[in-house]
């Protein structure tokens, strides 16, 4: 992945779940619930669940996406999903 941002999401930043967000595994993937905004998000793809869960372990979101086995050709789809989660305050940059 050569682009620093995709779909407005900074793949070169370090990200994590917002402290007020809980991730609950489900048979279809996972649920994210934000206790501050009361928003609920459904993650219906096991790869995005793996990426979201692993974000704190990697120095960048790009590294987490790559570690999940996503090819450069498929990265845009996951960057868009991560951007949506960041826009809804489910994810936040580390240090914010």
N, C-alpha and C. Protein backbone atom coordinates (compact mmCIF):
# COMPACT_ATOMS: atom_id res chain seq x y z
N UNK A 1 0.85 -1.17 0.00
CA UNK A 1 0.00 0.00 0.00
C UNK A 1 0.89 1.23 0.00
N UNK A 2 0.80 2.02 -1.02
CA UNK A 2 1.68 3.16 -1.13
C UNK A 2 1.01 4.46 -0.71
N UNK A 3 -0.29 4.54 -0.81
CA UNK A 3 -0.99 5.77 -0.45
C UNK A 3 -1.06 5.92 1.06
N UNK A 4 -0.85 7.15 1.53
CA UNK A 4 -0.95 7.39 2.97
C UNK A 4 -2.40 7.44 3.41
N UNK A 5 -3.28 7.90 2.53
CA UNK A 5 -4.70 7.95 2.86
C UNK A 5 -5.49 7.28 1.75
N UNK A 6 -6.57 6.65 2.15
CA UNK A 6 -7.53 6.08 1.21
C UNK A 6 -8.90 6.41 1.76
N UNK A 7 -9.76 6.93 0.92
CA UNK A 7 -11.11 7.30 1.34
C UNK A 7 -11.09 8.23 2.54
N UNK A 8 -10.07 9.10 2.60
CA UNK A 8 -9.98 10.06 3.69
C UNK A 8 -9.50 9.48 5.00
N UNK A 9 -9.10 8.22 5.00
CA UNK A 9 -8.62 7.56 6.22
C UNK A 9 -7.11 7.48 6.17
N UNK A 10 -6.45 7.95 7.22
CA UNK A 10 -4.99 7.96 7.27
C UNK A 10 -4.48 6.58 7.66
N UNK A 11 -4.08 5.82 6.68
CA UNK A 11 -3.58 4.46 6.92
C UNK A 11 -2.22 4.45 7.60
N UNK A 12 -1.52 5.57 7.59
CA UNK A 12 -0.20 5.63 8.21
C UNK A 12 -0.27 6.04 9.67
N UNK A 13 -1.46 6.33 10.18
CA UNK A 13 -1.63 6.66 11.59
C UNK A 13 -1.90 5.39 12.39
N UNK A 14 -1.72 5.51 13.69
CA UNK A 14 -2.03 4.39 14.59
C UNK A 14 -3.44 4.63 15.14
N UNK A 15 -4.27 3.60 15.07
CA UNK A 15 -5.68 3.71 15.45
C UNK A 15 -6.02 2.68 16.52
N UNK A 16 -7.14 2.93 17.21
CA UNK A 16 -7.68 1.98 18.19
C UNK A 16 -9.16 2.23 18.33
N UNK A 17 -9.84 1.31 19.01
CA UNK A 17 -11.25 1.56 19.33
C UNK A 17 -11.33 2.73 20.29
N UNK A 18 -12.38 3.52 20.17
CA UNK A 18 -12.64 4.58 21.13
C UNK A 18 -12.84 3.93 22.49
N UNK A 19 -12.39 4.57 23.58
CA UNK A 19 -12.52 3.94 24.90
C UNK A 19 -13.97 3.67 25.32
N UNK A 20 -14.92 4.35 24.71
CA UNK A 20 -16.33 4.12 25.05
C UNK A 20 -17.00 3.12 24.12
N UNK A 21 -16.20 2.42 23.31
CA UNK A 21 -16.75 1.45 22.36
C UNK A 21 -16.43 0.03 22.84
N UNK A 22 -17.45 -0.80 22.78
CA UNK A 22 -17.29 -2.23 23.09
C UNK A 22 -17.48 -3.03 21.81
N UNK A 23 -16.64 -4.02 21.63
CA UNK A 23 -16.75 -4.93 20.49
C UNK A 23 -17.23 -6.27 21.03
N UNK A 24 -18.32 -6.76 20.47
CA UNK A 24 -18.86 -8.05 20.89
C UNK A 24 -18.85 -9.00 19.70
N UNK A 25 -18.10 -10.09 19.79
CA UNK A 25 -18.11 -11.08 18.70
C UNK A 25 -19.50 -11.68 18.53
N UNK A 26 -19.86 -11.91 17.29
CA UNK A 26 -21.15 -12.51 16.93
C UNK A 26 -20.90 -13.53 15.83
N UNK A 27 -21.84 -14.46 15.62
CA UNK A 27 -21.66 -15.46 14.54
C UNK A 27 -21.45 -14.83 13.16
N UNK A 28 -22.03 -13.66 12.92
CA UNK A 28 -21.90 -13.00 11.61
C UNK A 28 -20.65 -12.14 11.51
N UNK A 29 -19.98 -11.88 12.63
CA UNK A 29 -18.82 -10.98 12.66
C UNK A 29 -18.68 -10.37 14.04
N UNK A 30 -19.20 -9.14 14.19
CA UNK A 30 -19.13 -8.47 15.49
C UNK A 30 -20.08 -7.27 15.51
N UNK A 31 -20.41 -6.87 16.74
CA UNK A 31 -21.16 -5.64 16.98
C UNK A 31 -20.22 -4.65 17.65
N UNK A 32 -20.31 -3.40 17.27
CA UNK A 32 -19.63 -2.33 17.97
C UNK A 32 -20.70 -1.44 18.57
N UNK A 33 -20.57 -1.13 19.85
CA UNK A 33 -21.53 -0.23 20.50
C UNK A 33 -20.76 0.89 21.16
N UNK A 34 -21.14 2.13 20.85
CA UNK A 34 -20.51 3.31 21.44
C UNK A 34 -21.40 3.79 22.58
N UNK A 35 -20.91 3.68 23.80
CA UNK A 35 -21.70 4.04 24.97
C UNK A 35 -21.90 5.54 25.10
N UNK A 36 -21.09 6.35 24.43
CA UNK A 36 -21.25 7.80 24.47
C UNK A 36 -22.30 8.30 23.49
N UNK A 37 -22.26 7.79 22.28
CA UNK A 37 -23.19 8.26 21.24
C UNK A 37 -24.38 7.34 21.06
N UNK A 38 -24.30 6.15 21.66
CA UNK A 38 -25.34 5.12 21.57
C UNK A 38 -25.50 4.58 20.15
N UNK A 39 -24.46 4.72 19.35
CA UNK A 39 -24.48 4.17 17.99
C UNK A 39 -24.07 2.70 18.01
N UNK A 40 -24.67 1.96 17.10
CA UNK A 40 -24.38 0.54 16.95
C UNK A 40 -23.90 0.31 15.52
N UNK A 41 -22.82 -0.43 15.37
CA UNK A 41 -22.31 -0.78 14.05
C UNK A 41 -22.16 -2.29 13.96
N UNK A 42 -22.49 -2.81 12.81
CA UNK A 42 -22.37 -4.24 12.55
C UNK A 42 -21.16 -4.47 11.65
N UNK A 43 -20.27 -5.34 12.07
CA UNK A 43 -19.14 -5.74 11.23
C UNK A 43 -19.47 -7.13 10.72
N UNK A 44 -19.78 -7.21 9.43
CA UNK A 44 -20.27 -8.47 8.86
C UNK A 44 -19.21 -9.21 8.06
N UNK A 45 -17.97 -8.84 8.24
CA UNK A 45 -16.88 -9.45 7.50
C UNK A 45 -15.80 -9.83 8.51
N UNK A 46 -15.41 -11.11 8.57
CA UNK A 46 -14.42 -11.52 9.57
C UNK A 46 -13.07 -10.81 9.41
N UNK A 47 -12.73 -10.40 8.21
CA UNK A 47 -11.46 -9.71 8.01
C UNK A 47 -11.48 -8.34 8.65
N UNK A 48 -12.56 -7.59 8.52
CA UNK A 48 -12.61 -6.26 9.15
C UNK A 48 -12.62 -6.39 10.67
N UNK A 49 -13.25 -7.44 11.18
CA UNK A 49 -13.23 -7.68 12.63
C UNK A 49 -11.79 -7.92 13.07
N UNK A 50 -11.08 -8.75 12.34
CA UNK A 50 -9.67 -9.04 12.66
C UNK A 50 -8.83 -7.76 12.62
N UNK A 51 -9.06 -6.93 11.62
CA UNK A 51 -8.31 -5.68 11.50
C UNK A 51 -8.61 -4.76 12.68
N UNK A 52 -9.88 -4.56 12.98
CA UNK A 52 -10.27 -3.65 14.08
C UNK A 52 -9.70 -4.15 15.40
N UNK A 53 -9.79 -5.45 15.65
CA UNK A 53 -9.27 -5.99 16.91
C UNK A 53 -7.75 -5.85 17.00
N UNK A 54 -7.07 -5.90 15.88
CA UNK A 54 -5.60 -5.87 15.89
C UNK A 54 -5.00 -4.47 15.77
N UNK A 55 -5.80 -3.46 15.52
CA UNK A 55 -5.25 -2.11 15.31
C UNK A 55 -4.26 -1.67 16.38
N UNK A 56 -4.54 -1.87 17.68
CA UNK A 56 -3.58 -1.39 18.69
C UNK A 56 -2.22 -2.10 18.66
N UNK A 57 -2.15 -3.25 18.02
CA UNK A 57 -0.92 -4.03 17.99
C UNK A 57 0.06 -3.56 16.91
N UNK A 58 -0.38 -2.69 16.03
CA UNK A 58 0.44 -2.29 14.89
C UNK A 58 0.71 -0.79 14.90
N UNK A 59 1.85 -0.38 14.35
CA UNK A 59 2.19 1.04 14.34
C UNK A 59 1.33 1.87 13.40
N UNK A 60 0.71 1.21 12.41
CA UNK A 60 -0.16 1.91 11.46
C UNK A 60 -1.35 1.03 11.13
N UNK A 61 -2.41 1.67 10.65
CA UNK A 61 -3.56 0.91 10.17
C UNK A 61 -3.17 0.08 8.95
N UNK A 62 -2.29 0.62 8.12
CA UNK A 62 -1.83 -0.13 6.93
C UNK A 62 -1.18 -1.44 7.34
N UNK A 63 -0.40 -1.42 8.41
CA UNK A 63 0.25 -2.65 8.88
C UNK A 63 -0.78 -3.65 9.38
N UNK A 64 -1.83 -3.18 10.04
CA UNK A 64 -2.89 -4.07 10.52
C UNK A 64 -3.64 -4.69 9.34
N UNK A 65 -3.91 -3.88 8.32
CA UNK A 65 -4.61 -4.38 7.13
C UNK A 65 -3.75 -5.43 6.43
N UNK A 66 -2.48 -5.14 6.27
CA UNK A 66 -1.57 -6.08 5.62
C UNK A 66 -1.44 -7.38 6.43
N UNK A 67 -1.35 -7.26 7.75
CA UNK A 67 -1.22 -8.44 8.61
C UNK A 67 -2.46 -9.33 8.55
N UNK A 68 -3.61 -8.74 8.21
CA UNK A 68 -4.84 -9.51 8.08
C UNK A 68 -4.91 -10.26 6.76
N UNK A 69 -3.88 -10.10 5.94
CA UNK A 69 -3.82 -10.82 4.67
C UNK A 69 -4.48 -10.11 3.51
N UNK A 70 -4.77 -8.83 3.68
CA UNK A 70 -5.40 -8.05 2.61
C UNK A 70 -4.33 -7.62 1.62
N UNK A 71 -4.59 -7.85 0.35
CA UNK A 71 -3.66 -7.44 -0.70
C UNK A 71 -3.79 -5.94 -0.96
N UNK A 72 -2.81 -5.38 -1.63
CA UNK A 72 -2.86 -3.96 -1.98
C UNK A 72 -4.10 -3.66 -2.82
N UNK A 73 -4.49 -4.60 -3.67
CA UNK A 73 -5.67 -4.41 -4.52
C UNK A 73 -6.96 -4.37 -3.70
N UNK A 74 -7.00 -5.04 -2.57
CA UNK A 74 -8.20 -5.07 -1.74
C UNK A 74 -8.21 -4.07 -0.62
N UNK A 75 -7.13 -3.32 -0.45
CA UNK A 75 -7.00 -2.41 0.69
C UNK A 75 -8.03 -1.29 0.70
N UNK A 76 -8.42 -0.80 -0.46
CA UNK A 76 -9.36 0.33 -0.52
C UNK A 76 -10.69 -0.01 0.15
N UNK A 77 -11.16 -1.22 -0.03
CA UNK A 77 -12.42 -1.65 0.59
C UNK A 77 -12.33 -1.56 2.12
N UNK A 78 -11.21 -1.97 2.68
CA UNK A 78 -11.05 -1.96 4.13
C UNK A 78 -10.76 -0.55 4.64
N UNK A 79 -10.04 0.25 3.85
CA UNK A 79 -9.82 1.65 4.23
C UNK A 79 -11.14 2.39 4.30
N UNK A 80 -12.04 2.11 3.37
CA UNK A 80 -13.36 2.74 3.38
C UNK A 80 -14.14 2.34 4.63
N UNK A 81 -14.09 1.06 4.99
CA UNK A 81 -14.78 0.59 6.20
C UNK A 81 -14.18 1.24 7.45
N UNK A 82 -12.85 1.34 7.50
CA UNK A 82 -12.21 1.98 8.65
C UNK A 82 -12.54 3.47 8.70
N UNK A 83 -12.60 4.12 7.54
CA UNK A 83 -12.97 5.54 7.49
C UNK A 83 -14.38 5.74 8.03
N UNK A 84 -15.30 4.86 7.67
CA UNK A 84 -16.67 4.95 8.17
C UNK A 84 -16.70 4.80 9.68
N UNK A 85 -15.93 3.85 10.21
CA UNK A 85 -15.87 3.66 11.66
C UNK A 85 -15.25 4.87 12.36
N UNK A 86 -14.23 5.45 11.76
CA UNK A 86 -13.61 6.64 12.34
C UNK A 86 -14.58 7.83 12.31
N UNK A 87 -15.30 7.99 11.20
CA UNK A 87 -16.26 9.09 11.08
C UNK A 87 -17.38 8.98 12.11
N UNK A 88 -17.73 7.76 12.50
CA UNK A 88 -18.79 7.57 13.49
C UNK A 88 -18.23 7.47 14.91
N UNK A 89 -16.96 7.81 15.08
CA UNK A 89 -16.29 7.85 16.38
C UNK A 89 -16.16 6.49 17.05
N UNK A 90 -16.20 5.43 16.25
CA UNK A 90 -15.94 4.09 16.79
C UNK A 90 -14.43 3.86 16.93
N UNK A 91 -13.66 4.47 16.03
CA UNK A 91 -12.21 4.40 16.06
C UNK A 91 -11.65 5.78 16.33
N UNK A 92 -10.49 5.82 16.95
CA UNK A 92 -9.79 7.09 17.14
C UNK A 92 -8.30 6.86 16.98
N UNK A 93 -7.61 7.92 16.60
CA UNK A 93 -6.15 7.85 16.49
C UNK A 93 -5.57 7.69 17.89
N UNK A 94 -4.52 6.92 18.00
CA UNK A 94 -3.81 6.80 19.27
C UNK A 94 -3.16 8.15 19.55
N UNK A 95 -3.32 8.64 20.75
CA UNK A 95 -2.77 9.93 21.13
C UNK A 95 -3.76 11.06 21.11
N UNK A 96 -4.98 10.81 20.62
CA UNK A 96 -6.00 11.88 20.60
C UNK A 96 -6.74 11.90 21.91
